[in-house]
Protein backbone atom coordinates (compact mmCIF):
# COMPACT_ATOMS: atom_id res chain seq x y z
CA UNK A 1 94.89 97.29 115.57
CA UNK A 2 97.82 95.27 116.81
CA UNK A 3 99.18 95.23 120.32
CA UNK A 4 102.15 97.57 119.82
CA UNK A 5 101.11 99.63 116.81
CA UNK A 6 99.35 102.99 116.73
CA UNK A 7 96.76 104.39 114.40
CA UNK A 8 97.27 107.90 113.05
CA UNK A 9 94.70 109.54 115.34
CA UNK A 10 96.38 108.06 118.44
CA UNK A 11 99.77 109.11 117.06
CA UNK A 12 98.53 112.69 116.81
CA UNK A 13 97.43 112.56 120.45
CA UNK A 14 100.86 111.15 121.36
CA UNK A 15 102.43 113.99 119.36
CA UNK A 16 100.46 116.60 121.29
CA UNK A 17 101.45 114.95 124.57
CA UNK A 18 105.15 114.81 123.66
CA UNK A 19 105.24 118.43 122.52
CA UNK A 20 103.78 119.60 125.82
CA UNK A 21 105.63 117.28 128.21
CA UNK A 22 109.02 117.73 126.55
CA UNK A 23 108.80 121.52 126.57
CA UNK A 24 109.67 121.61 122.86
CA UNK A 25 106.34 123.16 121.83
CA UNK A 26 107.38 126.65 122.92
CA UNK A 27 110.48 126.65 120.70
CA UNK A 28 108.79 124.95 117.77
CA UNK A 29 105.92 127.43 117.85
CA UNK A 30 108.49 130.18 117.18
CA UNK A 31 109.35 128.88 113.69
CA UNK A 32 107.14 128.34 110.64
CA UNK A 33 105.82 124.97 109.54
CA UNK A 34 107.70 123.34 106.70
CA UNK A 35 105.83 124.41 103.57
CA UNK A 36 104.47 121.83 101.17
CA UNK A 37 105.37 124.02 98.19
CA UNK A 38 108.20 123.24 95.81
CA UNK A 39 110.17 126.43 96.50
CA UNK A 40 111.16 126.86 100.15
CA UNK A 41 112.82 130.03 101.40
CA UNK A 42 116.01 129.73 103.48
CA UNK A 43 115.42 129.37 107.22
CA UNK A 44 114.43 127.04 110.04
CA UNK A 45 111.20 125.06 109.80
CA UNK A 46 109.25 122.55 111.86
CA UNK A 47 107.55 119.52 110.34
CA UNK A 48 104.80 117.76 112.29
CA UNK A 49 104.12 115.08 109.70
CA UNK A 50 104.03 111.58 111.16
CA UNK A 51 105.35 108.76 108.99
CA UNK A 52 102.69 106.06 109.16
CA UNK A 53 105.30 103.34 108.59
CA UNK A 54 106.73 104.23 112.03
CA UNK A 55 103.39 103.35 113.63
CA UNK A 56 103.48 99.68 112.71
CA UNK A 57 103.70 96.88 115.23
CA UNK A 58 107.13 95.25 115.18
CA UNK A 59 105.91 92.54 117.54
CA UNK A 60 108.48 93.41 120.20
CA UNK A 61 107.60 96.77 121.72
CA UNK A 62 105.60 99.94 121.23
CA UNK A 63 106.64 102.12 118.33
CA UNK A 64 108.59 105.36 118.83
CA UNK A 65 107.42 107.62 116.02
CA UNK A 66 109.06 110.88 115.09
CA UNK A 67 106.39 113.40 116.07
CA UNK A 68 108.23 116.60 115.11
CA UNK A 69 111.38 117.49 113.23
CA UNK A 70 113.35 120.69 112.70
CA UNK A 71 114.76 121.42 109.26
CA UNK A 72 117.21 123.99 107.96
CA UNK A 73 116.99 125.20 104.39
CA UNK A 74 119.99 127.05 102.97
CA UNK A 75 120.14 129.56 100.11
CA UNK A 76 120.66 126.74 97.61
CA UNK A 77 117.46 125.06 98.76
CA UNK A 78 119.35 122.23 100.44
CA UNK A 79 117.32 120.76 103.31
CA UNK A 80 119.03 119.42 106.43
CA UNK A 81 117.25 117.73 109.32
CA UNK A 82 118.70 119.22 112.51
CA UNK A 83 116.63 117.65 115.25
CA UNK A 84 113.71 115.38 116.03
CA UNK A 85 111.29 114.66 118.82
CA UNK A 86 110.26 111.02 119.28
CA UNK A 87 107.64 109.69 121.67
CA UNK A 88 107.07 106.34 123.33
CA UNK A 89 103.64 105.16 124.48
CA UNK A 90 102.80 108.22 126.62
CA UNK A 91 105.69 107.26 128.89
CA UNK A 92 108.73 109.11 127.61
CA UNK A 93 110.15 111.14 124.75
CA UNK A 94 113.52 111.66 123.09
CA UNK A 95 114.94 114.96 121.91
CA UNK A 96 117.57 114.17 119.30
CA UNK A 97 120.11 116.26 117.43
CA UNK A 98 121.99 114.67 114.58
CA UNK A 99 122.24 110.93 114.35
CA UNK A 100 121.28 109.24 117.62
CA UNK A 101 122.40 112.09 119.89
CA UNK A 102 119.89 112.48 122.70
CA UNK A 103 119.60 115.75 124.61
CA UNK A 104 118.38 116.14 128.19
CA UNK A 105 116.16 119.25 128.00
CA UNK A 106 114.19 121.14 125.38
CA UNK A 107 116.27 124.25 126.15
CA UNK A 108 119.54 122.42 125.42
CA UNK A 109 117.99 120.77 122.37
CA UNK A 110 116.91 124.11 120.94
CA UNK A 111 120.33 125.66 121.63
CA UNK A 112 122.07 122.79 119.82
CA UNK A 113 119.70 123.09 116.86
CA UNK A 114 120.46 126.80 116.61
CA UNK A 115 124.20 126.13 116.83
CA UNK A 116 123.95 123.64 113.97
CA UNK A 117 121.84 126.06 111.96
CA UNK A 118 124.40 128.83 112.46
CA UNK A 119 127.18 126.46 111.32
CA UNK A 120 125.24 125.80 108.12
CA UNK A 121 124.70 129.51 107.50
CA UNK A 122 128.33 130.40 108.24
CA UNK A 123 129.66 127.54 106.11
CA UNK A 124 127.64 128.77 103.15
CA UNK A 125 128.91 132.34 103.71
CA UNK A 126 132.52 131.13 103.92
CA UNK A 127 132.09 129.02 100.78
CA UNK A 128 131.12 132.18 98.87
CA UNK A 129 134.20 134.12 99.97
């Protein structure tokens, strides 16, 4: 293994660490895992899949893989990524909502995810009317 890269088993340990230290585990445990089936019911889901391409050594610094993501699925089956948890070398983590918007606490992160989810639900309701 290279200096800055991670193997998948180490990434899973990093994932477990980030979920606990960030405080996000409690909120994420309250929603179902993103199903691997073709038909997904509307709702909020968590995905713990780690993209192995994010574990590669870039030669500059340790990788910061996405270790969890929150997805919304609307009635039309449209999937929207609402938030992610990234981890860095057992030193720190990032709670993100939207594109490159970092949040300070898991509580605030979860509130923002729920706000975005409610916007999606309400937009779809208003589009029907």
